[in-house]
Amino acid sequence: MKKILYILLITLIFTGCSDDDFGVTPFIPVTEAAPPPNPPAYTSGMADFSNFVSVGNSLTCGYSDGALFIAGQENSFPNILANQFALAGGGTFSQPLMNDNLGGLLLGGQQITSNRLYLSFASGSPAPAAVSGTPTTEVSNILTGSFNNMGVPGAKSYHLGAAGYGNVAGVAVGLANPYYARMASSPNATVIGDAMSQNPSFFSLWIGNNDILGFASSGGAGEDQTGNFDPTTYGGNDITDPNVFASVYNGLLGGLASTGAKGIVANIPSVTSIPYFTTVPYNAIPLDAATAGAVNQGYAPYNGGIQQALAALTGTGLFTAEEAAKRTITFTAGQNAVVIIDEDLTDLGAINPAFAALPKYRQATAEDLLVLTSQTVLGTVVNNNPQLINGVSVPLADKWVLTPEEQEAIEVARTAYNQTIEALAAQYDVAFFDAAQSLLDLVGAGITQNGITTTAVYATGGGFSLDGVHPSPRGNAIIVNGMVDVINAKYQSNLPKVNVGLYTGVYLN
């Protein structure tokens, strides 16, 4: 086992990359180029952009690189969009800016969230690293005034109407959201109430990603709450029941549209297609022949037990030869599939106590998705024992892997949510942006605008930040251009698109 090569995933990702591969710009707020002489006359058409209010979660507020910070907020899609609205009668767009570009939050002087990531070259190869320094944004220092950007990191659909979600006193015990707490109009305020109190003339609503993302990012550690209509009983990583989502979403959109305001809504992209789930390979274990043989000897008793169970249960229909083959673990020289725990495998002990000692182990396949954070444990030694290697002799826990069964539960819920969003967009006669299709385009050939092709490849593609979940500034610019298209089509405005070349794909500092 001493010959096992530790997994250096970041090295694999960035090998052969130079600074030019990342399309980076200095860490400064993005501004548009000066308008040309005699600019065209831009009009709002049937819309009124004078008071734009944006409601949502981390995708709305400008969260990126694992944190919320000033530059990210200034490059949020609503802020970029508001700049375009300003060309056609749009007013000021206020945001609850953080105090610095570090990204961490303090509560009572103690840091409660991590600093942002940046692309560091300190090791000689580009790799994500947390920016150093002590953040200065204290949650209990509540901001005054109203804010046009009502995006709250971590918010699920039903959180937007929850009284007390912004109560500072509830933050430490997990009953309130620290980001909303520093901007809420009162301890018992609601996000949607604070948004509607501003009487928006135009709004955006993009919510629902977190109703499935927590389940996905935890490797399916939560519960699928389909059939449970009481969200107060849900855990943080649970999937929201589609009927609950539909009811909540109808209330949110109906409220925003109740005054006659125009607006735009966006659906939910495939959360399993983002870099957080597509970067770590399932076959990330490099072994030589001797080490592979040693590992196989270690799994011989387990494989033998599987064959014994198959022989004993053949003909019962309770344990198939297909599952037995799936659970048989074999390593060879070269790249090998990671060993994982799969809770969806048959509980053989429940069928026959003689097999109670057989765990639910198998090797991953291309259909499994390893979460980005699994790179921190793959190939590492357990308890300083060189014979115990995570992903090899020690299977990865379920939280590090999203199995096909877990992916299916996510997709069923997402499909239902998106059907609701599109149907209610038509009912309330607002613009509909197909964010799901935009992500598919990024994942495929990429999106080319202003001579730049942007993809969903981790770090080098330019579309996503280093947390693998949230868009980069360039990704947000692409989102804005997509929204501009549908806003112009829906409301007969003639807003211009932004130049994506002015927005960075990744921060270097």
Protein backbone atom coordinates (compact mmCIF):
# COMPACT_ATOMS: atom_id res chain seq x y z
CA MET A 1 0.00 0.00 0.00
CA LYS A 2 3.00 2.29 0.47
CA LYS A 3 3.31 2.53 -3.32
CA ILE A 4 -0.13 4.05 -3.72
CA LEU A 5 0.10 7.44 -5.39
CA TYR A 6 -1.94 10.05 -3.65
CA ILE A 7 -4.48 11.76 -5.78
CA LEU A 8 -3.35 15.17 -6.93
CA LEU A 9 -6.55 16.18 -8.66
CA ILE A 10 -5.81 19.85 -8.95
CA THR A 11 -2.52 19.04 -10.66
CA LEU A 12 -4.39 16.90 -13.16
CA ILE A 13 -6.88 19.66 -13.83
CA PHE A 14 -4.35 22.38 -14.43
CA THR A 15 -1.39 20.51 -15.94
CA GLY A 16 -0.13 22.32 -19.01
CA CYS A 17 -2.15 25.45 -18.32
CA SER A 18 -0.61 28.89 -18.52
CA ASP A 19 -1.92 32.23 -17.33
CA ASP A 20 -3.44 32.87 -20.74
CA ASP A 21 -5.65 29.80 -20.49
CA PHE A 22 -7.83 31.40 -17.84
CA GLY A 23 -8.83 34.65 -19.51
CA VAL A 24 -8.24 36.53 -16.30
CA THR A 25 -8.36 40.22 -15.49
CA PRO A 26 -7.10 42.07 -12.42
CA PHE A 27 -9.30 41.91 -9.34
CA ILE A 28 -11.15 45.17 -9.91
CA PRO A 29 -14.83 46.01 -10.36
CA VAL A 30 -15.92 45.70 -13.97
CA THR A 31 -17.06 48.78 -15.82
CA GLU A 32 -18.43 49.11 -19.29
CA ALA A 33 -16.46 50.84 -22.02
CA ALA A 34 -17.36 54.41 -22.91
CA PRO A 35 -20.35 54.59 -25.26
CA PRO A 36 -19.66 55.42 -28.89
CA PRO A 37 -20.53 58.84 -30.32
CA ASN A 38 -24.19 59.35 -31.02
CA PRO A 39 -25.37 56.24 -29.20
CA PRO A 40 -28.68 54.76 -30.26
CA ALA A 41 -31.83 55.63 -28.36
CA TYR A 42 -32.71 52.78 -26.03
CA THR A 43 -36.30 52.33 -24.91
CA SER A 44 -38.02 50.20 -22.29
CA GLY A 45 -40.96 49.32 -24.53
CA MET A 46 -43.90 48.15 -22.44
CA ALA A 47 -41.71 47.75 -19.36
CA ASP A 48 -40.73 50.27 -16.70
CA PHE A 49 -37.17 49.82 -15.44
CA SER A 50 -37.21 52.79 -13.06
CA ASN A 51 -37.33 50.65 -9.89
CA PHE A 52 -35.83 47.21 -10.48
CA VAL A 53 -35.91 44.73 -7.58
CA SER A 54 -34.28 41.31 -7.86
CA VAL A 55 -35.35 38.41 -5.62
CA GLY A 56 -33.53 35.11 -5.23
CA ASN A 57 -30.65 33.28 -3.61
CA SER A 58 -26.88 33.15 -4.07
CA LEU A 59 -27.26 33.17 -7.86
CA THR A 60 -28.89 36.58 -7.54
CA CYS A 61 -26.71 38.30 -4.94
CA GLY A 62 -23.39 37.67 -6.73
CA TYR A 63 -22.05 34.93 -4.48
CA SER A 64 -19.03 33.27 -6.10
CA ASP A 65 -15.80 31.49 -5.24
CA GLY A 66 -17.41 30.15 -2.08
CA ALA A 67 -18.22 33.55 -0.56
CA LEU A 68 -19.97 36.88 -0.89
CA PHE A 69 -17.70 39.88 -1.45
CA ILE A 70 -17.91 43.35 -2.97
CA ALA A 71 -16.46 42.58 -6.40
CA GLY A 72 -18.73 39.54 -6.74
CA GLN A 73 -21.77 41.64 -5.82
CA GLU A 74 -20.79 44.32 -8.33
CA ASN A 75 -20.64 41.57 -10.95
CA SER A 76 -23.95 39.96 -9.96
CA PHE A 77 -26.34 39.46 -12.83
CA PRO A 78 -28.93 41.92 -11.39
CA ASN A 79 -26.32 44.67 -11.07
CA ILE A 80 -25.08 44.10 -14.61
CA LEU A 81 -28.68 44.02 -15.83
CA ALA A 82 -29.48 47.22 -13.92
CA ASN A 83 -26.65 48.93 -15.79
CA GLN A 84 -28.39 48.02 -19.04
CA PHE A 85 -31.75 49.16 -17.67
CA ALA A 86 -30.16 52.55 -16.87
CA LEU A 87 -29.85 53.11 -20.62
CA ALA A 88 -33.64 52.98 -20.91
CA GLY A 89 -34.96 54.78 -17.86
CA GLY A 90 -33.64 52.53 -15.12
CA GLY A 91 -32.95 54.08 -11.73
CA THR A 92 -30.32 53.42 -9.09
CA PHE A 93 -29.73 49.84 -8.01
CA SER A 94 -28.69 49.45 -4.38
CA GLN A 95 -27.07 46.33 -2.96
CA PRO A 96 -26.27 45.25 0.64
CA LEU A 97 -22.55 45.34 -0.03
CA MET A 98 -20.12 43.45 2.16
CA ASN A 99 -17.42 45.46 3.90
CA ASP A 100 -14.51 43.97 1.97
CA ASN A 101 -13.35 41.60 -0.76
CA LEU A 102 -12.36 38.82 1.65
CA GLY A 103 -15.83 37.35 1.78
CA GLY A 104 -16.03 35.98 5.31
CA LEU A 105 -18.72 36.88 7.86
CA LEU A 106 -18.31 37.69 11.55
CA LEU A 107 -20.88 37.12 14.28
CA GLY A 108 -20.00 38.72 17.57
CA GLY A 109 -16.46 39.11 16.27
CA GLN A 110 -16.07 35.40 15.48
CA GLN A 111 -15.71 34.32 11.86
CA ILE A 112 -18.59 32.06 10.81
CA THR A 113 -18.06 31.73 7.05
CA SER A 114 -14.92 31.15 5.01
CA ASN A 115 -13.04 33.67 2.92
CA ARG A 116 -13.37 33.53 -0.85
CA LEU A 117 -11.24 31.39 -3.16
CA TYR A 118 -8.83 32.71 -5.76
CA LEU A 119 -6.51 31.08 -8.28
CA SER A 120 -3.09 30.84 -6.67
CA PHE A 121 0.20 30.06 -8.40
CA ALA A 122 2.14 29.77 -5.13
CA SER A 123 2.79 26.05 -5.61
CA GLY A 124 4.01 26.50 -9.18
CA SER A 125 0.76 25.20 -10.67
CA PRO A 126 -2.55 27.07 -10.55
CA ALA A 127 -4.82 25.86 -7.76
CA PRO A 128 -7.70 27.29 -5.72
CA ALA A 129 -6.74 28.79 -2.37
CA ALA A 130 -8.54 30.84 0.26
CA VAL A 131 -7.55 34.49 0.35
CA SER A 132 -5.85 35.37 3.62
CA GLY A 133 -6.98 38.02 6.06
CA THR A 134 -9.60 38.70 8.69
CA PRO A 135 -12.97 39.75 7.29
CA THR A 136 -14.68 42.89 8.56
CA THR A 137 -18.34 42.22 7.80
CA GLU A 138 -20.16 41.83 11.12
CA VAL A 139 -23.66 40.33 10.83
CA SER A 140 -24.99 42.21 13.85
CA ASN A 141 -24.16 45.55 12.23
CA ILE A 142 -27.50 45.77 10.49
CA LEU A 143 -27.64 47.86 7.33
CA THR A 144 -30.26 50.58 6.99
CA GLY A 145 -32.43 51.37 4.02
CA SER A 146 -33.96 49.19 1.35
CA PHE A 147 -32.03 47.19 -1.23
CA ASN A 148 -32.86 46.44 -4.84
CA ASN A 149 -30.84 43.23 -4.74
CA MET A 150 -32.77 40.88 -2.46
CA GLY A 151 -30.69 37.79 -3.22
CA VAL A 152 -29.94 35.76 -0.09
CA PRO A 153 -27.28 33.01 -0.17
CA GLY A 154 -28.64 29.66 0.95
CA ALA A 155 -32.30 30.62 0.64
CA LYS A 156 -34.77 27.98 -0.48
CA SER A 157 -38.12 28.88 -2.02
CA TYR A 158 -40.05 28.68 1.26
CA HIS A 159 -37.44 30.74 3.13
CA LEU A 160 -38.38 33.89 1.19
CA GLY A 161 -41.71 34.15 2.98
CA ALA A 162 -40.52 32.98 6.40
CA ALA A 163 -40.81 35.56 9.18
CA GLY A 164 -37.71 35.69 11.36
CA TYR A 165 -35.40 34.45 8.61
CA GLY A 166 -33.44 37.66 9.13
CA ASN A 167 -33.42 37.72 12.94
CA VAL A 168 -29.83 38.16 14.15
CA ALA A 169 -30.70 36.37 17.40
CA GLY A 170 -31.48 33.22 15.43
CA VAL A 171 -28.30 33.08 13.37
CA ALA A 172 -26.10 31.33 15.94
CA VAL A 173 -28.64 28.51 16.42
CA GLY A 174 -29.36 28.03 12.73
CA LEU A 175 -32.83 29.58 12.77
CA ALA A 176 -31.96 32.60 10.63
CA ASN A 177 -29.80 33.46 7.65
CA PRO A 178 -26.78 35.67 8.42
CA TYR A 179 -26.83 37.34 5.01
CA TYR A 180 -30.46 38.34 5.31
CA ALA A 181 -30.03 39.26 8.99
CA ARG A 182 -27.67 42.14 8.10
CA MET A 183 -30.16 43.62 5.60
CA ALA A 184 -33.65 42.74 6.92
CA SER A 185 -35.94 45.67 7.67
CA SER A 186 -36.87 44.12 11.03
CA PRO A 187 -36.22 40.87 12.95
CA ASN A 188 -39.59 39.47 11.81
CA ALA A 189 -39.41 40.71 8.23
CA THR A 190 -39.58 38.42 5.19
CA VAL A 191 -37.46 38.58 2.07
CA ILE A 192 -40.48 38.82 -0.21
CA GLY A 193 -42.10 41.40 2.07
CA ASP A 194 -39.02 43.62 1.99
CA ALA A 195 -38.91 43.27 -1.79
CA MET A 196 -42.58 44.11 -2.31
CA SER A 197 -42.44 47.06 0.11
CA GLN A 198 -40.27 48.82 -2.47
CA ASN A 199 -43.11 48.72 -5.00
CA PRO A 200 -40.92 47.54 -7.86
CA SER A 201 -41.76 48.59 -11.39
CA PHE A 202 -39.75 45.62 -12.71
CA PHE A 203 -38.55 42.50 -10.94
CA SER A 204 -36.59 39.32 -11.41
CA LEU A 205 -37.28 36.09 -9.56
CA TRP A 206 -34.82 33.20 -9.66
CA ILE A 207 -35.40 30.72 -6.86
CA GLY A 208 -35.53 26.94 -6.40
CA ASN A 209 -31.95 25.83 -7.01
CA ASN A 210 -31.32 25.35 -3.30
CA ASP A 211 -34.46 23.24 -2.97
CA ILE A 212 -32.43 20.43 -4.57
CA LEU A 213 -28.82 21.64 -4.42
CA GLY A 214 -28.31 20.85 -0.73
CA PHE A 215 -29.30 17.25 -1.36
CA ALA A 216 -27.01 17.07 -4.37
CA SER A 217 -23.94 18.77 -2.86
CA SER A 218 -24.15 16.56 0.25
CA GLY A 219 -23.99 13.44 -1.92
CA GLY A 220 -27.64 12.67 -1.24
CA ALA A 221 -27.20 12.83 2.53
CA GLY A 222 -30.61 14.50 2.94
CA GLU A 223 -34.12 13.16 2.40
CA ASP A 224 -36.46 13.40 -0.55
CA GLN A 225 -39.45 15.08 1.09
CA THR A 226 -41.85 14.44 -1.78
CA GLY A 227 -45.21 13.82 -0.12
CA ASN A 228 -44.37 15.88 2.96
CA PHE A 229 -46.20 19.20 2.74
CA ASP A 230 -44.73 20.74 5.91
CA PRO A 231 -41.40 22.45 5.10
CA THR A 232 -40.89 23.30 8.78
CA THR A 233 -39.95 19.64 9.23
CA TYR A 234 -37.36 19.62 6.43
CA GLY A 235 -33.64 19.31 6.98
CA GLY A 236 -31.14 21.61 5.30
CA ASN A 237 -30.15 19.00 2.70
CA ASP A 238 -33.64 17.76 1.86
CA ILE A 239 -35.47 17.93 -1.47
CA THR A 240 -38.52 20.19 -1.31
CA ASP A 241 -41.83 18.57 -2.19
CA PRO A 242 -42.88 19.78 -5.69
CA ASN A 243 -46.36 20.73 -4.47
CA VAL A 244 -44.88 22.83 -1.68
CA PHE A 245 -42.61 24.49 -4.22
CA ALA A 246 -45.54 25.18 -6.56
CA SER A 247 -47.62 26.76 -3.81
CA VAL A 248 -44.74 28.88 -2.52
CA TYR A 249 -43.66 29.98 -5.99
CA ASN A 250 -47.20 30.99 -6.92
CA GLY A 251 -47.33 33.17 -3.82
CA LEU A 252 -43.98 34.78 -4.57
CA LEU A 253 -44.64 35.51 -8.23
CA GLY A 254 -48.23 36.48 -7.65
CA GLY A 255 -47.18 38.97 -5.00
CA LEU A 256 -44.49 40.58 -7.16
CA ALA A 257 -46.86 40.86 -10.12
CA SER A 258 -49.87 42.00 -8.08
CA THR A 259 -49.18 45.71 -8.64
CA GLY A 260 -48.93 45.34 -12.39
CA ALA A 261 -45.13 45.28 -12.43
CA LYS A 262 -43.39 43.59 -15.34
CA GLY A 263 -40.65 41.09 -14.67
CA ILE A 264 -38.58 38.09 -15.62
CA VAL A 265 -38.27 34.65 -14.04
CA ALA A 266 -35.67 31.94 -14.61
CA ASN A 267 -35.92 28.19 -14.33
CA ILE A 268 -33.51 25.80 -12.64
CA PRO A 269 -30.52 24.37 -14.50
CA SER A 270 -29.35 20.81 -14.02
CA VAL A 271 -27.46 21.05 -10.74
CA THR A 272 -25.61 17.84 -11.52
CA SER A 273 -24.11 19.33 -14.71
CA ILE A 274 -22.14 22.04 -12.93
CA PRO A 275 -18.37 21.67 -12.32
CA TYR A 276 -18.98 20.73 -8.69
CA PHE A 277 -20.15 17.34 -9.94
CA THR A 278 -18.26 16.90 -13.20
CA THR A 279 -14.64 17.63 -12.25
CA VAL A 280 -13.49 14.70 -10.10
CA PRO A 281 -13.20 11.52 -12.23
CA TYR A 282 -14.76 8.29 -11.03
CA ASN A 283 -11.55 6.40 -11.93
CA ALA A 284 -9.12 8.59 -10.02
CA ILE A 285 -7.01 5.83 -8.47
CA PRO A 286 -3.61 5.21 -10.18
CA LEU A 287 -1.96 1.92 -9.14
CA ASP A 288 0.94 -0.20 -10.30
CA ALA A 289 0.49 -3.95 -10.74
CA ALA A 290 2.02 -4.88 -7.39
CA THR A 291 -0.12 -2.47 -5.42
CA ALA A 292 -3.25 -3.51 -7.32
CA GLY A 293 -2.55 -7.11 -6.41
CA ALA A 294 -2.11 -6.22 -2.74
CA VAL A 295 -5.40 -4.33 -2.68
CA ASN A 296 -7.18 -7.24 -4.36
CA GLN A 297 -5.92 -9.56 -1.63
CA GLY A 298 -7.43 -7.22 0.92
CA TYR A 299 -10.84 -7.36 -0.77
CA ALA A 300 -10.74 -11.15 -1.34
CA PRO A 301 -12.83 -11.95 1.79
CA TYR A 302 -15.44 -9.38 0.79
CA ASN A 303 -15.64 -10.66 -2.79
CA GLY A 304 -15.89 -14.22 -1.49
CA GLY A 305 -18.76 -13.23 0.78
CA ILE A 306 -20.61 -11.70 -2.14
CA GLN A 307 -20.30 -14.96 -4.07
CA GLN A 308 -21.51 -16.94 -1.08
CA ALA A 309 -24.55 -14.68 -0.78
CA LEU A 310 -25.28 -15.07 -4.49
CA ALA A 311 -25.11 -18.85 -4.24
CA ALA A 312 -27.40 -18.89 -1.22
CA LEU A 313 -29.95 -16.50 -2.68
CA THR A 314 -29.98 -17.62 -6.33
CA GLY A 315 -33.54 -18.20 -7.44
CA THR A 316 -35.09 -16.02 -4.73
CA GLY A 317 -35.02 -12.85 -6.83
CA LEU A 318 -33.67 -11.00 -3.80
CA PHE A 319 -30.05 -10.80 -4.95
CA THR A 320 -29.10 -10.96 -8.61
CA ALA A 321 -25.96 -11.94 -10.44
CA GLU A 322 -25.91 -8.40 -11.87
CA GLU A 323 -25.73 -6.84 -8.43
CA ALA A 324 -23.14 -9.36 -7.32
CA ALA A 325 -20.95 -8.38 -10.26
CA LYS A 326 -21.53 -4.71 -9.47
CA ARG A 327 -20.36 -5.23 -5.89
CA THR A 328 -17.26 -7.25 -6.77
CA ILE A 329 -14.15 -5.09 -6.31
CA THR A 330 -11.17 -5.55 -8.62
CA PHE A 331 -8.10 -3.36 -9.15
CA THR A 332 -5.65 -3.51 -12.05
CA ALA A 333 -2.51 -1.66 -13.08
CA GLY A 334 -3.42 1.84 -14.29
CA GLN A 335 -6.40 4.04 -13.43
CA ASN A 336 -8.98 2.43 -11.19
CA ALA A 337 -12.49 3.29 -10.11
CA VAL A 338 -12.94 4.64 -6.60
CA VAL A 339 -14.47 2.31 -4.00
CA ILE A 340 -17.63 3.81 -2.53
CA ILE A 341 -20.42 3.04 -0.08
CA ASP A 342 -23.75 2.84 -1.88
CA GLU A 343 -26.74 2.91 0.49
CA ASP A 344 -29.06 1.83 -2.34
CA LEU A 345 -27.45 -1.61 -2.60
CA THR A 346 -29.34 -4.58 -1.22
CA ASP A 347 -29.09 -5.06 2.54
CA LEU A 348 -28.00 -8.69 2.50
CA GLY A 349 -28.05 -8.97 6.29
CA ALA A 350 -31.74 -8.09 6.31
CA ILE A 351 -32.39 -11.02 3.95
CA ASN A 352 -30.16 -13.51 5.75
CA PRO A 353 -28.38 -12.72 9.04
CA ALA A 354 -25.50 -14.90 7.87
CA PHE A 355 -24.52 -12.07 5.53
CA ALA A 356 -24.96 -9.20 7.98
CA ALA A 357 -21.24 -8.50 7.95
CA LEU A 358 -21.20 -7.77 4.22
CA PRO A 359 -21.11 -3.98 3.72
CA LYS A 360 -22.63 -2.04 0.82
CA TYR A 361 -19.40 -1.55 -1.15
CA ARG A 362 -18.86 -1.21 -4.88
CA GLN A 363 -16.59 0.62 -7.29
CA ALA A 364 -17.83 3.79 -8.89
CA THR A 365 -18.86 3.94 -12.54
CA ALA A 366 -19.08 6.75 -15.06
CA GLU A 367 -22.70 7.20 -13.97
CA ASP A 368 -21.65 8.21 -10.45
CA LEU A 369 -20.80 11.83 -9.67
CA LEU A 370 -18.06 12.55 -7.16
CA VAL A 371 -18.50 15.94 -5.52
CA LEU A 372 -15.73 18.49 -5.95
CA THR A 373 -14.81 18.38 -2.27
CA SER A 374 -14.04 14.65 -2.48
CA GLN A 375 -10.67 15.69 -3.90
CA THR A 376 -9.64 16.59 -0.36
CA VAL A 377 -10.00 13.00 0.87
CA LEU A 378 -9.24 10.82 -2.16
CA GLY A 379 -5.91 9.08 -1.72
CA THR A 380 -5.35 10.35 1.82
CA VAL A 381 -4.21 8.10 4.69
CA VAL A 382 -6.61 7.26 7.51
CA ASN A 383 -5.30 7.42 11.09
CA ASN A 384 -1.70 7.56 9.85
CA ASN A 385 -2.00 3.96 8.67
CA PRO A 386 -0.47 3.57 5.18
CA GLN A 387 -2.64 0.51 4.62
CA LEU A 388 -5.82 2.59 4.97
CA ILE A 389 -6.28 4.79 1.90
CA ASN A 390 -9.51 6.70 1.24
CA GLY A 391 -11.12 5.59 -1.98
CA VAL A 392 -9.00 2.41 -2.13
CA SER A 393 -8.89 0.22 0.97
CA VAL A 394 -11.30 2.58 2.75
CA PRO A 395 -14.47 3.20 0.69
CA LEU A 396 -15.68 6.77 0.28
CA ALA A 397 -18.69 7.60 2.41
CA ASP A 398 -22.02 8.19 0.69
CA LYS A 399 -21.74 11.97 1.19
CA TRP A 400 -18.90 12.18 -1.33
CA VAL A 401 -20.78 10.52 -4.17
CA LEU A 402 -24.07 11.18 -5.95
CA THR A 403 -25.35 7.85 -7.21
CA PRO A 404 -27.69 7.39 -10.21
CA GLU A 405 -30.63 6.78 -7.86
CA GLU A 406 -29.95 10.04 -6.04
CA GLN A 407 -29.54 11.87 -9.33
CA GLU A 408 -32.92 10.59 -10.46
CA ALA A 409 -34.64 11.96 -7.34
CA ILE A 410 -33.07 15.36 -8.02
CA GLU A 411 -34.10 15.36 -11.66
CA VAL A 412 -37.71 14.37 -10.92
CA ALA A 413 -38.03 17.30 -8.52
CA ARG A 414 -36.25 19.74 -10.85
CA THR A 415 -38.51 18.80 -13.75
CA ALA A 416 -41.58 19.44 -11.60
CA TYR A 417 -40.22 22.78 -10.36
CA ASN A 418 -39.46 23.94 -13.89
CA GLN A 419 -42.91 22.98 -15.11
CA THR A 420 -44.33 25.15 -12.35
CA ILE A 421 -42.04 28.09 -13.14
CA GLU A 422 -42.82 28.10 -16.86
CA ALA A 423 -46.56 27.65 -16.34
CA LEU A 424 -46.78 30.47 -13.79
CA ALA A 425 -44.64 32.73 -15.97
CA ALA A 426 -47.30 32.32 -18.66
CA GLN A 427 -50.14 32.77 -16.15
CA TYR A 428 -48.74 36.03 -14.80
CA ASP A 429 -47.56 37.13 -18.25
CA VAL A 430 -43.91 37.76 -17.39
CA ALA A 431 -40.73 37.05 -19.33
CA PHE A 432 -39.26 33.56 -18.98
CA PHE A 433 -35.51 32.87 -19.19
CA ASP A 434 -34.49 29.28 -19.87
CA ALA A 435 -31.43 29.08 -17.63
CA ALA A 436 -31.47 25.30 -17.94
CA GLN A 437 -30.81 25.51 -21.68
CA SER A 438 -28.03 28.05 -21.15
CA LEU A 439 -26.20 25.62 -18.88
CA LEU A 440 -26.64 22.85 -21.42
CA ASP A 441 -24.99 25.11 -24.00
CA LEU A 442 -22.07 25.78 -21.63
CA VAL A 443 -21.65 22.09 -20.86
CA GLY A 444 -21.72 21.25 -24.56
CA ALA A 445 -19.76 23.25 -27.09
CA GLY A 446 -19.76 26.34 -24.92
CA ILE A 447 -21.21 29.78 -25.61
CA THR A 448 -19.32 32.14 -27.94
CA GLN A 449 -19.95 35.87 -27.52
CA ASN A 450 -17.72 38.80 -28.45
CA GLY A 451 -15.19 36.35 -29.87
CA ILE A 452 -14.82 34.48 -26.56
CA THR A 453 -15.93 30.89 -26.05
CA THR A 454 -16.99 30.18 -22.48
CA THR A 455 -17.56 26.66 -21.15
CA ALA A 456 -18.44 24.88 -17.91
CA VAL A 457 -14.99 23.31 -17.49
CA TYR A 458 -13.75 23.86 -13.95
CA ALA A 459 -11.47 26.92 -13.58
CA THR A 460 -10.36 27.08 -17.21
CA GLY A 461 -13.76 27.32 -18.91
CA GLY A 462 -14.54 30.82 -17.65
CA GLY A 463 -18.22 30.21 -16.94
CA PHE A 464 -18.05 29.21 -13.28
CA SER A 465 -16.27 30.45 -10.22
CA LEU A 466 -13.85 28.31 -8.22
CA ASP A 467 -16.53 26.89 -5.96
CA GLY A 468 -17.80 24.94 -8.96
CA VAL A 469 -21.39 26.01 -8.32
CA HIS A 470 -21.81 29.74 -8.94
CA PRO A 471 -21.19 31.65 -12.16
CA SER A 472 -18.10 33.76 -12.63
CA PRO A 473 -18.50 37.44 -13.60
CA ARG A 474 -18.29 36.31 -17.22
CA GLY A 475 -20.92 33.66 -16.55
CA ASN A 476 -23.19 36.33 -15.10
CA ALA A 477 -22.62 38.51 -18.16
CA ILE A 478 -23.75 35.63 -20.37
CA ILE A 479 -26.85 35.20 -18.18
CA VAL A 480 -27.62 38.90 -18.59
CA ASN A 481 -27.34 38.67 -22.35
CA GLY A 482 -29.78 35.79 -22.36
CA MET A 483 -32.19 37.76 -20.18
CA VAL A 484 -31.86 40.83 -22.39
CA ASP A 485 -32.98 38.75 -25.35
CA VAL A 486 -36.17 37.55 -23.68
CA ILE A 487 -36.93 40.94 -22.07
CA ASN A 488 -36.64 42.67 -25.45
CA ALA A 489 -38.83 40.04 -27.06
CA LYS A 490 -41.46 40.13 -24.32
CA TYR A 491 -41.71 43.85 -23.68
CA GLN A 492 -40.59 45.32 -27.04
CA SER A 493 -37.60 47.06 -25.50
CA ASN A 494 -34.29 47.39 -27.30
CA LEU A 495 -31.72 46.95 -24.54
CA PRO A 496 -28.17 46.27 -25.73
CA LYS A 497 -26.18 43.24 -24.65
CA VAL A 498 -22.98 43.52 -22.62
CA ASN A 499 -19.50 42.72 -23.89
CA VAL A 500 -18.54 39.51 -22.09
CA GLY A 501 -14.88 40.27 -22.77
CA LEU A 502 -15.06 42.94 -20.07
CA TYR A 503 -15.79 40.33 -17.40
CA THR A 504 -13.25 37.98 -15.89
CA GLY A 505 -13.58 34.22 -15.85
CA VAL A 506 -11.53 33.72 -12.68
CA TYR A 507 -9.83 35.89 -10.08
CA LEU A 508 -6.06 35.67 -9.64
CA ASN A 509 -5.96 37.63 -6.40
